[in-house]
PDB file of N, CA and C in Angstrom:
ATOM      1  N   UNK A   1       9.862   8.989   8.165  1.00  0.00           N
ATOM      2  CA  UNK A   1       9.768   7.592   8.508  1.00  0.00           C
ATOM      3  C   UNK A   1       8.313   7.130   8.511  1.00  0.00           C
ATOM      4  N   UNK A   2       7.424   7.786   9.241  1.00  0.00           N
ATOM      5  CA  UNK A   2       6.004   7.477   9.216  1.00  0.00           C
ATOM      6  C   UNK A   2       5.613   6.212   9.945  1.00  0.00           C
ATOM      7  N   UNK A   3       4.520   5.635   9.494  1.00  0.00           N
ATOM      8  CA  UNK A   3       3.949   4.452  10.115  1.00  0.00           C
ATOM      9  C   UNK A   3       4.643   3.199   9.591  1.00  0.00           C
ATOM     10  N   UNK A   4       5.018   2.304  10.524  1.00  0.00           N
ATOM     11  CA  UNK A   4       5.755   1.098  10.147  1.00  0.00           C
ATOM     12  C   UNK A   4       5.114  -0.127  10.803  1.00  0.00           C
ATOM     13  N   UNK A   5       4.905  -1.179  10.012  1.00  0.00           N
ATOM     14  CA  UNK A   5       4.403  -2.448  10.517  1.00  0.00           C
ATOM     15  C   UNK A   5       5.542  -3.170  11.226  1.00  0.00           C
ATOM     16  N   UNK A   6       5.309  -3.641  12.447  1.00  0.00           N
ATOM     17  CA  UNK A   6       6.328  -4.364  13.203  1.00  0.00           C
ATOM     18  C   UNK A   6       6.090  -5.869  13.159  1.00  0.00           C
ATOM     19  N   UNK A   7       4.883  -6.296  13.571  1.00  0.00           N
ATOM     20  CA  UNK A   7       4.568  -7.727  13.535  1.00  0.00           C
ATOM     21  C   UNK A   7       3.076  -7.945  13.768  1.00  0.00           C
ATOM     22  N   UNK A   8       2.669  -9.182  13.529  1.00  0.00           N
ATOM     23  CA  UNK A   8       1.305  -9.618  13.763  1.00  0.00           C
ATOM     24  C   UNK A   8       1.370 -10.813  14.708  1.00  0.00           C
ATOM     25  N   UNK A   9       0.545 -10.811  15.743  1.00  0.00           N
ATOM     26  CA  UNK A   9       0.457 -11.935  16.672  1.00  0.00           C
ATOM     27  C   UNK A   9      -0.997 -12.380  16.732  1.00  0.00           C
ATOM     28  N   UNK A  10      -1.211 -13.682  16.919  1.00  0.00           N
ATOM     29  CA  UNK A  10      -2.567 -14.208  16.973  1.00  0.00           C
ATOM     30  C   UNK A  10      -2.630 -15.398  17.922  1.00  0.00           C
ATOM     31  N   UNK A  11      -3.714 -15.458  18.697  1.00  0.00           N
ATOM     32  CA  UNK A  11      -4.005 -16.616  19.531  1.00  0.00           C
ATOM     33  C   UNK A  11      -5.522 -16.755  19.604  1.00  0.00           C
ATOM     34  N   UNK A  12      -6.019 -17.574  20.514  1.00  0.00           N
ATOM     35  CA  UNK A  12      -7.463 -17.825  20.581  1.00  0.00           C
ATOM     36  C   UNK A  12      -8.276 -16.569  20.873  1.00  0.00           C
ATOM     37  N   UNK A  13      -7.647 -15.555  21.462  1.00  0.00           N
ATOM     38  CA  UNK A  13      -8.351 -14.309  21.794  1.00  0.00           C
ATOM     39  C   UNK A  13      -8.560 -13.411  20.589  1.00  0.00           C
ATOM     40  N   UNK A  14      -7.747 -13.594  19.544  1.00  0.00           N
ATOM     41  CA  UNK A  14      -7.800 -12.746  18.367  1.00  0.00           C
ATOM     42  C   UNK A  14      -6.415 -12.287  17.960  1.00  0.00           C
ATOM     43  N   UNK A  15      -6.361 -11.287  17.095  1.00  0.00           N
ATOM     44  CA  UNK A  15      -5.096 -10.781  16.548  1.00  0.00           C
ATOM     45  C   UNK A  15      -4.677  -9.480  17.219  1.00  0.00           C
ATOM     46  N   UNK A  16      -3.357  -9.226  17.167  1.00  0.00           N
ATOM     47  CA  UNK A  16      -2.809  -7.911  17.524  1.00  0.00           C
ATOM     48  C   UNK A  16      -1.843  -7.510  16.421  1.00  0.00           C
ATOM     49  N   UNK A  17      -2.027  -6.317  15.906  1.00  0.00           N
ATOM     50  CA  UNK A  17      -1.116  -5.738  14.919  1.00  0.00           C
ATOM     51  C   UNK A  17      -0.264  -4.707  15.653  1.00  0.00           C
ATOM     52  N   UNK A  18       1.053  -4.887  15.607  1.00  0.00           N
ATOM     53  CA  UNK A  18       1.995  -3.990  16.272  1.00  0.00           C
ATOM     54  C   UNK A  18       2.565  -3.026  15.237  1.00  0.00           C
ATOM     55  N   UNK A  19       2.376  -1.731  15.487  1.00  0.00           N
ATOM     56  CA  UNK A  19       2.855  -0.684  14.588  1.00  0.00           C
ATOM     57  C   UNK A  19       3.752   0.296  15.345  1.00  0.00           C
ATOM     58  N   UNK A  20       4.581   1.000  14.598  1.00  0.00           N
ATOM     59  CA  UNK A  20       5.430   2.047  15.174  1.00  0.00           C
ATOM     60  C   UNK A  20       5.256   3.298  14.321  1.00  0.00           C
ATOM     61  N   UNK A  21       5.234   4.453  14.965  1.00  0.00           N
ATOM     62  CA  UNK A  21       5.100   5.709  14.244  1.00  0.00           C
ATOM     63  C   UNK A  21       6.346   6.553  14.489  1.00  0.00           C
ATOM     64  N   UNK A  22       7.057   6.858  13.429  1.00  0.00           N
ATOM     65  CA  UNK A  22       8.297   7.645  13.487  1.00  0.00           C
ATOM     66  C   UNK A  22       9.322   7.064  14.464  1.00  0.00           C
ATOM     67  N   UNK A  23       9.209   5.788  14.761  1.00  0.00           N
ATOM     68  CA  UNK A  23      10.162   5.131  15.643  1.00  0.00           C
ATOM     69  C   UNK A  23      10.081   5.567  17.096  1.00  0.00           C
ATOM     70  N   UNK A  24       9.118   6.427  17.430  1.00  0.00           N
ATOM     71  CA  UNK A  24       9.033   6.947  18.801  1.00  0.00           C
ATOM     72  C   UNK A  24       7.715   6.615  19.491  1.00  0.00           C
ATOM     73  N   UNK A  25       6.718   6.269  18.728  1.00  0.00           N
ATOM     74  CA  UNK A  25       5.399   5.983  19.305  1.00  0.00           C
ATOM     75  C   UNK A  25       4.953   4.605  18.839  1.00  0.00           C
ATOM     76  N   UNK A  26       4.410   3.821  19.762  1.00  0.00           N
ATOM     77  CA  UNK A  26       3.886   2.501  19.416  1.00  0.00           C
ATOM     78  C   UNK A  26       2.372   2.548  19.386  1.00  0.00           C
ATOM     79  N   UNK A  27       1.812   1.803  18.457  1.00  0.00           N
ATOM     80  CA  UNK A  27       0.368   1.714  18.292  1.00  0.00           C
ATOM     81  C   UNK A  27       0.042   0.247  18.050  1.00  0.00           C
ATOM     82  N   UNK A  28      -0.774  -0.331  18.916  1.00  0.00           N
ATOM     83  CA  UNK A  28      -1.188  -1.724  18.778  1.00  0.00           C
ATOM     84  C   UNK A  28      -2.688  -1.772  18.544  1.00  0.00           C
ATOM     85  N   UNK A  29      -3.091  -2.502  17.516  1.00  0.00           N
ATOM     86  CA  UNK A  29      -4.501  -2.686  17.217  1.00  0.00           C
ATOM     87  C   UNK A  29      -4.831  -4.130  17.591  1.00  0.00           C
ATOM     88  N   UNK A  30      -5.809  -4.310  18.485  1.00  0.00           N
ATOM     89  CA  UNK A  30      -6.081  -5.645  19.016  1.00  0.00           C
ATOM     90  C   UNK A  30      -7.561  -5.974  18.967  1.00  0.00           C
ATOM     91  N   UNK A  31      -7.820  -7.261  18.844  1.00  0.00           N
ATOM     92  CA  UNK A  31      -9.196  -7.733  18.963  1.00  0.00           C
ATOM     93  C   UNK A  31      -9.278  -8.687  20.142  1.00  0.00           C
ATOM     94  N   UNK A  32     -10.458  -8.720  20.742  1.00  0.00           N
ATOM     95  CA  UNK A  32     -10.749  -9.683  21.800  1.00  0.00           C
ATOM     96  C   UNK A  32     -12.067 -10.350  21.407  1.00  0.00           C
ATOM     97  N   UNK A  33     -11.986 -11.628  21.186  1.00  0.00           N
ATOM     98  CA  UNK A  33     -13.210 -12.364  20.861  1.00  0.00           C
ATOM     99  C   UNK A  33     -14.069 -12.514  22.114  1.00  0.00           C
ATOM    100  N   UNK A  34     -15.364 -12.551  21.904  1.00  0.00           N
ATOM    101  CA  UNK A  34     -16.338 -12.658  22.995  1.00  0.00           C
ATOM    102  C   UNK A  34     -15.937 -13.767  23.974  1.00  0.00           C
ATOM    103  N   UNK A  35     -15.939 -13.419  25.272  1.00  0.00           N
ATOM    104  CA  UNK A  35     -15.639 -14.381  26.320  1.00  0.00           C
ATOM    105  C   UNK A  35     -14.178 -14.425  26.734  1.00  0.00           C
ATOM    106  N   UNK A  36     -13.304 -13.807  25.945  1.00  0.00           N
ATOM    107  CA  UNK A  36     -11.874 -13.818  26.254  1.00  0.00           C
ATOM    108  C   UNK A  36     -11.459 -12.501  26.907  1.00  0.00           C
ATOM    109  N   UNK A  37     -10.222 -12.461  27.396  1.00  0.00           N
ATOM    110  CA  UNK A  37      -9.732 -11.278  28.111  1.00  0.00           C
ATOM    111  C   UNK A  37      -8.321 -10.928  27.655  1.00  0.00           C
ATOM    112  N   UNK A  38      -7.985  -9.662  27.799  1.00  0.00           N
ATOM    113  CA  UNK A  38      -6.620  -9.170  27.547  1.00  0.00           C
ATOM    114  C   UNK A  38      -6.211  -8.286  28.713  1.00  0.00           C
ATOM    115  N   UNK A  39      -4.921  -8.124  28.860  1.00  0.00           N
ATOM    116  CA  UNK A  39      -4.386  -7.301  29.940  1.00  0.00           C
ATOM    117  C   UNK A  39      -3.948  -8.185  31.085  1.00  0.00           C
ATOM    118  N   UNK A  40      -4.358  -7.809  32.285  1.00  0.00           N
ATOM    119  CA  UNK A  40      -3.937  -8.553  33.460  1.00  0.00           C
ATOM    120  C   UNK A  40      -2.557  -8.152  33.920  1.00  0.00           C
ATOM    121  N   UNK A  41      -2.223  -6.879  33.694  1.00  0.00           N
ATOM    122  CA  UNK A  41      -0.900  -6.368  34.037  1.00  0.00           C
ATOM    123  C   UNK A  41      -0.989  -4.871  34.338  1.00  0.00           C
ATOM    124  N   UNK A  42       0.172  -4.278  34.606  1.00  0.00           N
ATOM    125  CA  UNK A  42       0.250  -2.826  34.797  1.00  0.00           C
ATOM    126  C   UNK A  42       1.549  -2.325  34.181  1.00  0.00           C
ATOM    127  N   UNK A  43       1.597  -1.013  33.962  1.00  0.00           N
ATOM    128  CA  UNK A  43       2.748  -0.362  33.326  1.00  0.00           C
ATOM    129  C   UNK A  43       3.265   0.766  34.222  1.00  0.00           C
ATOM    130  N   UNK A  44       4.555   1.090  34.119  1.00  0.00           N
ATOM    131  CA  UNK A  44       5.098   2.203  34.913  1.00  0.00           C
ATOM    132  C   UNK A  44       4.827   3.565  34.270  1.00  0.00           C
ATOM    133  N   UNK A  45       3.928   3.604  33.309  1.00  0.00           N
ATOM    134  CA  UNK A  45       3.564   4.836  32.610  1.00  0.00           C
ATOM    135  C   UNK A  45       2.072   4.838  32.314  1.00  0.00           C
ATOM    136  N   UNK A  46       1.533   6.022  32.071  1.00  0.00           N
ATOM    137  CA  UNK A  46       0.128   6.171  31.693  1.00  0.00           C
ATOM    138  C   UNK A  46      -0.078   5.576  30.300  1.00  0.00           C
ATOM    139  N   UNK A  47      -1.249   5.013  30.081  1.00  0.00           N
ATOM    140  CA  UNK A  47      -1.541   4.403  28.795  1.00  0.00           C
ATOM    141  C   UNK A  47      -2.995   4.665  28.422  1.00  0.00           C
ATOM    142  N   UNK A  48      -3.283   4.636  27.121  1.00  0.00           N
ATOM    143  CA  UNK A  48      -4.648   4.810  26.631  1.00  0.00           C
ATOM    144  C   UNK A  48      -5.083   3.582  25.844  1.00  0.00           C
ATOM    145  N   UNK A  49      -6.339   3.173  26.059  1.00  0.00           N
ATOM    146  CA  UNK A  49      -6.988   2.143  25.262  1.00  0.00           C
ATOM    147  C   UNK A  49      -8.191   2.817  24.616  1.00  0.00           C
ATOM    148  N   UNK A  50      -8.287   2.727  23.311  1.00  0.00           N
ATOM    149  CA  UNK A  50      -9.430   3.288  22.605  1.00  0.00           C
ATOM    150  C   UNK A  50     -10.282   2.119  22.119  1.00  0.00           C
ATOM    151  N   UNK A  51     -11.434   1.958  22.738  1.00  0.00           N
ATOM    152  CA  UNK A  51     -12.356   0.892  22.361  1.00  0.00           C
ATOM    153  C   UNK A  51     -13.096   1.383  21.117  1.00  0.00           C
ATOM    154  N   UNK A  52     -12.823   0.769  19.978  1.00  0.00           N
ATOM    155  CA  UNK A  52     -13.417   1.193  18.715  1.00  0.00           C
ATOM    156  C   UNK A  52     -14.820   0.626  18.535  1.00  0.00           C
ATOM    157  N   UNK A  53     -14.977  -0.650  18.857  1.00  0.00           N
ATOM    158  CA  UNK A  53     -16.284  -1.293  18.734  1.00  0.00           C
ATOM    159  C   UNK A  53     -16.347  -2.460  19.703  1.00  0.00           C
ATOM    160  N   UNK A  54     -17.562  -2.845  20.039  1.00  0.00           N
ATOM    161  CA  UNK A  54     -17.759  -3.957  20.953  1.00  0.00           C
ATOM    162  C   UNK A  54     -18.153  -3.502  22.338  1.00  0.00           C
ATOM    163  N   UNK A  55     -18.112  -4.453  23.259  1.00  0.00           N
ATOM    164  CA  UNK A  55     -18.528  -4.196  24.634  1.00  0.00           C
ATOM    165  C   UNK A  55     -17.639  -5.022  25.549  1.00  0.00           C
ATOM    166  N   UNK A  56     -17.097  -4.375  26.591  1.00  0.00           N
ATOM    167  CA  UNK A  56     -16.202  -5.056  27.521  1.00  0.00           C
ATOM    168  C   UNK A  56     -16.605  -4.801  28.969  1.00  0.00           C
ATOM    169  N   UNK A  57     -16.145  -5.712  29.829  1.00  0.00           N
ATOM    170  CA  UNK A  57     -16.115  -5.452  31.253  1.00  0.00           C
ATOM    171  C   UNK A  57     -14.685  -4.991  31.522  1.00  0.00           C
ATOM    172  N   UNK A  58     -14.539  -3.785  32.044  1.00  0.00           N
ATOM    173  CA  UNK A  58     -13.229  -3.204  32.300  1.00  0.00           C
ATOM    174  C   UNK A  58     -12.972  -3.187  33.800  1.00  0.00           C
ATOM    175  N   UNK A  59     -11.872  -3.818  34.197  1.00  0.00           N
ATOM    176  CA  UNK A  59     -11.479  -3.833  35.609  1.00  0.00           C
ATOM    177  C   UNK A  59     -10.166  -3.086  35.751  1.00  0.00           C
ATOM    178  N   UNK A  60     -10.104  -2.299  36.816  1.00  0.00           N
ATOM    179  CA  UNK A  60      -8.921  -1.477  37.083  1.00  0.00           C
ATOM    180  C   UNK A  60      -8.696  -1.476  38.586  1.00  0.00           C
ATOM    181  N   UNK A  61      -7.450  -1.739  39.005  1.00  0.00           N
ATOM    182  CA  UNK A  61      -7.151  -1.729  40.437  1.00  0.00           C
ATOM    183  C   UNK A  61      -5.912  -0.886  40.711  1.00  0.00           C
ATOM    184  N   UNK A  62      -6.067   0.094  41.594  1.00  0.00           N
ATOM    185  CA  UNK A  62      -4.955   0.922  42.037  1.00  0.00           C
ATOM    186  C   UNK A  62      -4.065   0.068  42.935  1.00  0.00           C
ATOM    187  N   UNK A  63      -2.806  -0.068  42.591  1.00  0.00           N
ATOM    188  CA  UNK A  63      -1.913  -0.957  43.336  1.00  0.00           C
ATOM    189  C   UNK A  63      -1.568  -0.434  44.721  1.00  0.00           C
ATOM    190  N   UNK A  64      -1.641   0.862  44.918  1.00  0.00           N
ATOM    191  CA  UNK A  64      -1.329   1.437  46.231  1.00  0.00           C
ATOM    192  C   UNK A  64      -2.507   1.316  47.193  1.00  0.00           C
ATOM    193  N   UNK A  65      -3.697   1.685  46.734  1.00  0.00           N
ATOM    194  CA  UNK A  65      -4.873   1.697  47.614  1.00  0.00           C
ATOM    195  C   UNK A  65      -5.653   0.387  47.585  1.00  0.00           C
ATOM    196  N   UNK A  66      -5.397  -0.439  46.571  1.00  0.00           N
ATOM    197  CA  UNK A  66      -6.139  -1.695  46.332  1.00  0.00           C
ATOM    198  C   UNK A  66      -7.600  -1.444  46.006  1.00  0.00           C
ATOM    199  N   UNK A  67      -7.935  -0.198  45.658  1.00  0.00           N
ATOM    200  CA  UNK A  67      -9.304   0.125  45.261  1.00  0.00           C
ATOM    201  C   UNK A  67      -9.521  -0.353  43.824  1.00  0.00           C
ATOM    202  N   UNK A  68     -10.610  -1.124  43.638  1.00  0.00           N
ATOM    203  CA  UNK A  68     -10.915  -1.679  42.328  1.00  0.00           C
ATOM    204  C   UNK A  68     -12.188  -1.051  41.774  1.00  0.00           C
ATOM    205  N   UNK A  69     -12.162  -0.772  40.468  1.00  0.00           N
ATOM    206  CA  UNK A  69     -13.348  -0.292  39.756  1.00  0.00           C
ATOM    207  C   UNK A  69     -13.674  -1.291  38.661  1.00  0.00           C
ATOM    208  N   UNK A  70     -14.955  -1.592  38.499  1.00  0.00           N
ATOM    209  CA  UNK A  70     -15.409  -2.465  37.422  1.00  0.00           C
ATOM    210  C   UNK A  70     -16.512  -1.723  36.680  1.00  0.00           C
ATOM    211  N   UNK A  71     -16.334  -1.586  35.370  1.00  0.00           N
ATOM    212  CA  UNK A  71     -17.313  -0.860  34.553  1.00  0.00           C
ATOM    213  C   UNK A  71     -17.611  -1.637  33.278  1.00  0.00           C
ATOM    214  N   UNK A  72     -18.779  -1.452  32.748  1.00  0.00           N
ATOM    215  CA  UNK A  72     -19.134  -1.966  31.427  1.00  0.00           C
ATOM    216  C   UNK A  72     -18.927  -0.824  30.441  1.00  0.00           C
ATOM    217  N   UNK A  73     -18.150  -1.091  29.395  1.00  0.00           N
ATOM    218  CA  UNK A  73     -17.791  -0.067  28.410  1.00  0.00           C
ATOM    219  C   UNK A  73     -18.284  -0.503  27.031  1.00  0.00           C
ATOM    220  N   UNK A  74     -18.985   0.394  26.355  1.00  0.00           N
ATOM    221  CA  UNK A  74     -19.396   0.197  24.966  1.00  0.00           C
ATOM    222  C   UNK A  74     -18.550   1.104  24.090  1.00  0.00           C
ATOM    223  N   UNK A  75     -18.034   0.552  22.982  1.00  0.00           N
ATOM    224  CA  UNK A  75     -17.268   1.377  22.063  1.00  0.00           C
ATOM    225  C   UNK A  75     -18.190   2.257  21.246  1.00  0.00           C
ATOM    226  N   UNK A  76     -17.740   3.411  20.810  1.00  0.00           N
ATOM    227  CA  UNK A  76     -16.389   3.934  21.014  1.00  0.00           C
ATOM    228  C   UNK A  76     -16.246   4.626  22.380  1.00  0.00           C
ATOM    229  N   UNK A  77     -15.076   4.423  22.975  1.00  0.00           N
ATOM    230  CA  UNK A  77     -14.774   4.994  24.291  1.00  0.00           C
ATOM    231  C   UNK A  77     -13.260   5.034  24.464  1.00  0.00           C
ATOM    232  N   UNK A  78     -12.764   6.060  25.128  1.00  0.00           N
ATOM    233  CA  UNK A  78     -11.340   6.173  25.430  1.00  0.00           C
ATOM    234  C   UNK A  78     -11.131   5.896  26.907  1.00  0.00           C
ATOM    235  N   UNK A  79     -10.245   4.949  27.211  1.00  0.00           N
ATOM    236  CA  UNK A  79      -9.902   4.612  28.591  1.00  0.00           C
ATOM    237  C   UNK A  79      -8.489   5.102  28.889  1.00  0.00           C
ATOM    238  N   UNK A  80      -8.365   5.931  29.890  1.00  0.00           N
ATOM    239  CA  UNK A  80      -7.058   6.404  30.339  1.00  0.00           C
ATOM    240  C   UNK A  80      -6.655   5.533  31.526  1.00  0.00           C
ATOM    241  N   UNK A  81      -5.552   4.807  31.377  1.00  0.00           N
ATOM    242  CA  UNK A  81      -5.079   3.918  32.431  1.00  0.00           C
ATOM    243  C   UNK A  81      -3.891   4.598  33.120  1.00  0.00           C
ATOM    244  N   UNK A  82      -4.046   5.000  34.382  1.00  0.00           N
ATOM    245  CA  UNK A  82      -2.937   5.645  35.089  1.00  0.00           C
ATOM    246  C   UNK A  82      -1.748   4.695  35.252  1.00  0.00           C
ATOM    247  N   UNK A  83      -0.573   5.242  35.445  1.00  0.00           N
ATOM    248  CA  UNK A  83       0.609   4.412  35.666  1.00  0.00           C
ATOM    249  C   UNK A  83       0.421   3.567  36.925  1.00  0.00           C
ATOM    250  N   UNK A  84       1.048   2.412  36.922  1.00  0.00           N
ATOM    251  CA  UNK A  84       0.998   1.472  38.060  1.00  0.00           C
ATOM    252  C   UNK A  84      -0.424   1.130  38.497  1.00  0.00           C
ATOM    253  N   UNK A  85      -1.303   0.987  37.524  1.00  0.00           N
ATOM    254  CA  UNK A  85      -2.681   0.587  37.769  1.00  0.00           C
ATOM    255  C   UNK A  85      -2.960  -0.673  36.955  1.00  0.00           C
ATOM    256  N   UNK A  86      -3.296  -1.760  37.651  1.00  0.00           N
ATOM    257  CA  UNK A  86      -3.594  -3.015  36.965  1.00  0.00           C
ATOM    258  C   UNK A  86      -4.894  -2.869  36.185  1.00  0.00           C
ATOM    259  N   UNK A  87      -4.934  -3.478  35.000  1.00  0.00           N
ATOM    260  CA  UNK A  87      -6.136  -3.381  34.184  1.00  0.00           C
ATOM    261  C   UNK A  87      -6.401  -4.689  33.451  1.00  0.00           C
ATOM    262  N   UNK A  88      -7.683  -4.908  33.176  1.00  0.00           N
ATOM    263  CA  UNK A  88      -8.157  -6.129  32.546  1.00  0.00           C
ATOM    264  C   UNK A  88      -9.359  -5.786  31.677  1.00  0.00           C
ATOM    265  N   UNK A  89      -9.371  -6.296  30.458  1.00  0.00           N
ATOM    266  CA  UNK A  89     -10.485  -6.102  29.533  1.00  0.00           C
ATOM    267  C   UNK A  89     -11.067  -7.465  29.216  1.00  0.00           C
ATOM    268  N   UNK A  90     -12.346  -7.673  29.525  1.00  0.00           N
ATOM    269  CA  UNK A  90     -13.041  -8.932  29.243  1.00  0.00           C
ATOM    270  C   UNK A  90     -14.126  -8.630  28.209  1.00  0.00           C
ATOM    271  N   UNK A  91     -14.077  -9.334  27.080  1.00  0.00           N
ATOM    272  CA  UNK A  91     -15.019  -9.062  25.993  1.00  0.00           C
ATOM    273  C   UNK A  91     -16.385  -9.679  26.265  1.00  0.00           C
ATOM    274  N   UNK A  92     -17.380  -8.827  26.345  1.00  0.00           N
ATOM    275  CA  UNK A  92     -18.780  -9.256  26.450  1.00  0.00           C
ATOM    276  C   UNK A  92     -19.310  -9.524  25.038  1.00  0.00           C
ATOM    277  N   UNK A  93     -18.795  -8.745  24.086  1.00  0.00           N
ATOM    278  CA  UNK A  93     -19.038  -8.930  22.651  1.00  0.00           C
ATOM    279  C   UNK A  93     -17.668  -8.905  21.977  1.00  0.00           C
ATOM    280  N   UNK A  94     -17.585  -9.378  20.742  1.00  0.00           N
ATOM    281  CA  UNK A  94     -16.335  -9.226  19.995  1.00  0.00           C
ATOM    282  C   UNK A  94     -15.962  -7.753  20.028  1.00  0.00           C
ATOM    283  N   UNK A  95     -14.703  -7.466  20.359  1.00  0.00           N
ATOM    284  CA  UNK A  95     -14.268  -6.093  20.594  1.00  0.00           C
ATOM    285  C   UNK A  95     -12.991  -5.793  19.825  1.00  0.00           C
ATOM    286  N   UNK A  96     -12.905  -4.570  19.321  1.00  0.00           N
ATOM    287  CA  UNK A  96     -11.713  -4.084  18.630  1.00  0.00           C
ATOM    288  C   UNK A  96     -11.252  -2.819  19.344  1.00  0.00           C
ATOM    289  N   UNK A  97      -9.948  -2.751  19.677  1.00  0.00           N
ATOM    290  CA  UNK A  97      -9.425  -1.559  20.336  1.00  0.00           C
ATOM    291  C   UNK A  97      -7.996  -1.301  19.890  1.00  0.00           C
ATOM    292  N   UNK A  98      -7.520  -0.092  20.185  1.00  0.00           N
ATOM    293  CA  UNK A  98      -6.094   0.160  19.993  1.00  0.00           C
ATOM    294  C   UNK A  98      -5.543   0.825  21.229  1.00  0.00           C
ATOM    295  N   UNK A  99      -4.246   0.653  21.406  1.00  0.00           N
ATOM    296  CA  UNK A  99      -3.532   1.258  22.523  1.00  0.00           C
ATOM    297  C   UNK A  99      -2.311   1.964  21.964  1.00  0.00           C
ATOM    298  N   UNK A 100      -1.922   3.050  22.623  1.00  0.00           N
ATOM    299  CA  UNK A 100      -0.749   3.784  22.172  1.00  0.00           C
ATOM    300  C   UNK A 100       0.080   4.192  23.377  1.00  0.00           C
ATOM    301  N   UNK A 101       1.376   4.299  23.146  1.00  0.00           N
ATOM    302  CA  UNK A 101       2.288   4.752  24.196  1.00  0.00           C
ATOM    303  C   UNK A 101       3.561   5.275  23.565  1.00  0.00           C
ATOM    304  N   UNK A 102       4.234   6.158  24.292  1.00  0.00           N
ATOM    305  CA  UNK A 102       5.434   6.836  23.798  1.00  0.00           C
ATOM    306  C   UNK A 102       6.725   6.224  24.303  1.00  0.00           C
ATOM    307  N   UNK A 103       6.647   5.223  25.137  1.00  0.00           N
ATOM    308  CA  UNK A 103       7.831   4.647  25.762  1.00  0.00           C
ATOM    309  C   UNK A 103       7.986   3.195  25.332  1.00  0.00           C
ATOM    310  N   UNK A 104       9.127   2.603  25.661  1.00  0.00           N
ATOM    311  CA  UNK A 104       9.295   1.175  25.429  1.00  0.00           C
ATOM    312  C   UNK A 104       8.245   0.431  26.226  1.00  0.00           C
ATOM    313  N   UNK A 105       7.711  -0.635  25.641  1.00  0.00           N
ATOM    314  CA  UNK A 105       6.649  -1.398  26.295  1.00  0.00           C
ATOM    315  C   UNK A 105       7.218  -2.149  27.489  1.00  0.00           C
ATOM    316  N   UNK A 106       6.654  -1.858  28.658  1.00  0.00           N
ATOM    317  CA  UNK A 106       7.017  -2.547  29.896  1.00  0.00           C
ATOM    318  C   UNK A 106       5.712  -2.913  30.585  1.00  0.00           C
ATOM    319  N   UNK A 107       5.541  -4.201  30.882  1.00  0.00           N
ATOM    320  CA  UNK A 107       4.338  -4.655  31.580  1.00  0.00           C
ATOM    321  C   UNK A 107       4.731  -5.670  32.645  1.00  0.00           C
ATOM    322  N   UNK A 108       4.104  -5.548  33.798  1.00  0.00           N
ATOM    323  CA  UNK A 108       4.302  -6.491  34.893  1.00  0.00           C
ATOM    324  C   UNK A 108       2.974  -7.171  35.160  1.00  0.00           C
ATOM    325  N   UNK A 109       2.977  -8.502  35.112  1.00  0.00           N
ATOM    326  CA  UNK A 109       1.738  -9.238  35.354  1.00  0.00           C
ATOM    327  C   UNK A 109       1.199  -8.963  36.753  1.00  0.00           C
ATOM    328  N   UNK A 110      -0.121  -8.849  36.840  1.00  0.00           N
ATOM    329  CA  UNK A 110      -0.831  -8.698  38.103  1.00  0.00           C
ATOM    330  C   UNK A 110      -1.646  -9.974  38.260  1.00  0.00           C
ATOM    331  N   UNK A 111      -1.194 -10.879  39.098  1.00  0.00           N
ATOM    332  CA  UNK A 111      -1.722 -12.239  39.134  1.00  0.00           C
ATOM    333  C   UNK A 111      -3.231 -12.321  39.340  1.00  0.00           C
ATOM    334  N   UNK A 112      -3.786 -11.431  40.129  1.00  0.00           N
ATOM    335  CA  UNK A 112      -5.239 -11.437  40.344  1.00  0.00           C
ATOM    336  C   UNK A 112      -5.977 -11.351  39.003  1.00  0.00           C
ATOM    337  N   UNK A 113      -5.481 -10.526  38.091  1.00  0.00           N
ATOM    338  CA  UNK A 113      -6.107 -10.345  36.785  1.00  0.00           C
ATOM    339  C   UNK A 113      -5.545 -11.305  35.740  1.00  0.00           C
ATOM    340  N   UNK A 114      -4.254 -11.556  35.782  1.00  0.00           N
ATOM    341  CA  UNK A 114      -3.628 -12.409  34.765  1.00  0.00           C
ATOM    342  C   UNK A 114      -4.209 -13.820  34.804  1.00  0.00           C
ATOM    343  N   UNK A 115      -4.555 -14.269  36.001  1.00  0.00           N
ATOM    344  CA  UNK A 115      -5.156 -15.586  36.178  1.00  0.00           C
ATOM    345  C   UNK A 115      -6.465 -15.677  35.384  1.00  0.00           C
ATOM    346  N   UNK A 116      -7.221 -14.594  35.343  1.00  0.00           N
ATOM    347  CA  UNK A 116      -8.485 -14.562  34.597  1.00  0.00           C
ATOM    348  C   UNK A 116      -8.216 -14.696  33.100  1.00  0.00           C
ATOM    349  N   UNK A 117      -7.198 -13.974  32.604  1.00  0.00           N
ATOM    350  CA  UNK A 117      -6.832 -14.060  31.183  1.00  0.00           C
ATOM    351  C   UNK A 117      -6.497 -15.496  30.830  1.00  0.00           C
ATOM    352  N   UNK A 118      -5.652 -16.122  31.635  1.00  0.00           N
ATOM    353  CA  UNK A 118      -5.191 -17.490  31.338  1.00  0.00           C
ATOM    354  C   UNK A 118      -6.307 -18.514  31.465  1.00  0.00           C
ATOM    355  N   UNK A 119      -7.188 -18.374  32.449  1.00  0.00           N
ATOM    356  CA  UNK A 119      -8.304 -19.297  32.609  1.00  0.00           C
ATOM    357  C   UNK A 119      -9.236 -19.232  31.413  1.00  0.00           C
ATOM    358  N   UNK A 120      -9.511 -18.035  30.933  1.00  0.00           N
ATOM    359  CA  UNK A 120     -10.432 -17.880  29.807  1.00  0.00           C
ATOM    360  C   UNK A 120      -9.835 -18.395  28.510  1.00  0.00           C
ATOM    361  N   UNK A 121      -8.516 -18.436  28.410  1.00  0.00           N
ATOM    362  CA  UNK A 121      -7.876 -18.981  27.201  1.00  0.00           C
ATOM    363  C   UNK A 121      -8.009 -20.501  27.135  1.00  0.00           C
ATOM    364  N   UNK A 122      -8.316 -21.127  28.262  1.00  0.00           N
ATOM    365  CA  UNK A 122      -8.460 -22.590  28.303  1.00  0.00           C
ATOM    366  C   UNK A 122      -9.873 -23.057  28.036  1.00  0.00           C
ATOM    367  N   UNK A 123     -10.807 -22.126  27.927  1.00  0.00           N
ATOM    368  CA  UNK A 123     -12.221 -22.479  27.710  1.00  0.00           C
ATOM    369  C   UNK A 123     -12.417 -23.090  26.333  1.00  0.00           C
TER     370      UNK A 123
END
């Protein structure tokens, strides 16, 4: 079966290419234009974001402890996002990344972060 194109989505933040590998693994390639944000949610499974190029402010909040970490990340870099951990990527420079996961995509908005994504889309 191999690699299969699923769809292309685009908005003011940039494009996302949705791919599937052997029907069991999903791979999304996304861009974030400078000043915009992606994420603002959490998943019930571990996930990886591979920052290929660019520079982001990465925010992560543990939902149980409410402990938040904020880091500046320059690509290339691999970010491991633990399950049930809210995350947000804000582009300091135009950024290209991909994410992969082995399960059906499930995301729950985390309003503290999602509000930032939506506000920046109105700029």
